[in-house]
């Protein structure tokens, strides 16, 4: 979706950009195991998009406004799993070294 609020990093033009193609979604087993199917969906929604400047043809990445919200939700889904894994590792290491 072309926009005008993004400045080209090469020429500074603000007259818009054209999408270079949609990135395919990717499935990640670690993300799925840590946060479930929703975490995979929000991870893919939070990815940046590749666009081409209408003036100088430079290809660069942009992050649509909703992708930032998707990234926050992704980390809220993944965060508890990461904390639980750290607690488990500390507990296991503590029990190994206490004997």
Protein backbone atom coordinates (compact mmCIF):
# COMPACT_ATOMS: atom_id res chain seq x y z
CA UNK A 1 0.00 0.00 0.00
CA UNK A 2 1.78 3.19 -1.12
CA UNK A 3 2.22 5.94 1.41
CA UNK A 4 3.68 9.40 1.65
CA UNK A 5 4.77 9.69 5.27
CA UNK A 6 7.94 7.61 4.78
CA UNK A 7 11.17 9.28 3.70
CA UNK A 8 13.54 7.43 1.39
CA UNK A 9 16.86 6.79 3.18
CA UNK A 10 18.82 7.33 -0.05
CA UNK A 11 17.31 10.48 -1.57
CA UNK A 12 14.99 11.80 1.16
CA UNK A 13 11.98 11.84 -1.16
CA UNK A 14 8.61 11.80 0.52
CA UNK A 15 6.49 11.31 -2.60
CA UNK A 16 5.81 7.69 -1.81
CA UNK A 17 6.90 4.16 -2.35
CA UNK A 18 5.75 0.97 -4.04
CA UNK A 19 5.74 -2.45 -2.36
CA UNK A 20 8.34 -4.80 -3.88
CA UNK A 21 6.31 -7.90 -3.08
CA UNK A 22 4.72 -9.52 -0.12
CA UNK A 23 6.97 -11.47 2.20
CA UNK A 24 5.68 -14.93 2.87
CA UNK A 25 4.76 -15.79 6.40
CA UNK A 26 7.06 -18.18 8.15
CA UNK A 27 6.36 -20.84 10.73
CA UNK A 28 8.80 -21.15 13.61
CA UNK A 29 8.64 -24.16 15.92
CA UNK A 30 10.38 -22.37 18.83
CA UNK A 31 7.92 -19.47 18.58
CA UNK A 32 5.00 -21.91 18.34
CA UNK A 33 6.16 -23.92 21.35
CA UNK A 34 6.81 -20.80 23.43
CA UNK A 35 3.70 -18.80 22.58
CA UNK A 36 1.35 -20.88 20.47
CA UNK A 37 -0.29 -20.22 17.13
CA UNK A 38 -1.13 -16.61 18.02
CA UNK A 39 2.54 -15.86 18.67
CA UNK A 40 3.39 -17.11 15.17
CA UNK A 41 0.65 -14.92 13.67
CA UNK A 42 1.76 -11.80 15.55
CA UNK A 43 5.43 -12.49 14.73
CA UNK A 44 4.60 -12.56 11.02
CA UNK A 45 2.37 -9.48 11.30
CA UNK A 46 5.18 -7.57 13.03
CA UNK A 47 7.71 -8.06 10.25
CA UNK A 48 8.93 -5.07 8.28
CA UNK A 49 7.95 -4.64 4.61
CA UNK A 50 10.26 -4.10 1.63
CA UNK A 51 9.37 -1.14 -0.59
CA UNK A 52 10.92 0.74 -3.51
CA UNK A 53 11.24 4.53 -3.65
CA UNK A 54 9.17 6.04 -6.49
CA UNK A 55 11.89 8.64 -7.20
CA UNK A 56 15.29 6.88 -6.99
CA UNK A 57 14.27 3.19 -7.05
CA UNK A 58 16.08 2.50 -3.73
CA UNK A 59 14.76 -0.61 -1.96
CA UNK A 60 14.35 -0.27 1.82
CA UNK A 61 12.33 -1.62 4.74
CA UNK A 62 9.45 0.11 6.46
CA UNK A 63 7.51 -0.89 9.54
CA UNK A 64 3.77 -0.24 9.19
CA UNK A 65 2.09 1.25 12.31
CA UNK A 66 0.20 -1.92 13.22
CA UNK A 67 3.37 -4.01 13.02
CA UNK A 68 4.63 -2.28 16.17
CA UNK A 69 1.47 -3.32 18.02
CA UNK A 70 1.91 -6.85 16.68
CA UNK A 71 5.47 -6.98 18.02
CA UNK A 72 4.33 -5.88 21.49
CA UNK A 73 1.64 -8.56 21.55
CA UNK A 74 4.18 -11.12 20.29
CA UNK A 75 6.57 -10.35 23.17
CA UNK A 76 3.70 -10.44 25.67
CA UNK A 77 2.88 -13.95 24.44
CA UNK A 78 6.51 -15.12 24.43
CA UNK A 79 7.69 -13.36 27.61
CA UNK A 80 6.13 -15.73 30.17
CA UNK A 81 7.68 -18.74 28.43
CA UNK A 82 11.12 -17.14 28.46
CA UNK A 83 10.81 -16.26 32.16
CA UNK A 84 9.61 -19.79 32.98
CA UNK A 85 12.53 -21.30 31.06
CA UNK A 86 15.04 -19.11 32.91
CA UNK A 87 13.53 -20.04 36.29
CA UNK A 88 13.65 -23.73 35.33
CA UNK A 89 17.31 -23.49 34.26
CA UNK A 90 18.30 -21.65 37.46
CA UNK A 91 16.48 -24.23 39.57
CA UNK A 92 18.13 -27.13 37.72
CA UNK A 93 21.58 -25.57 38.00
CA UNK A 94 20.99 -24.89 41.70
CA UNK A 95 20.01 -28.49 42.34
CA UNK A 96 23.01 -29.84 40.39
CA UNK A 97 25.54 -27.71 42.28
CA UNK A 98 23.95 -28.20 45.71
CA UNK A 99 24.79 -31.92 45.77
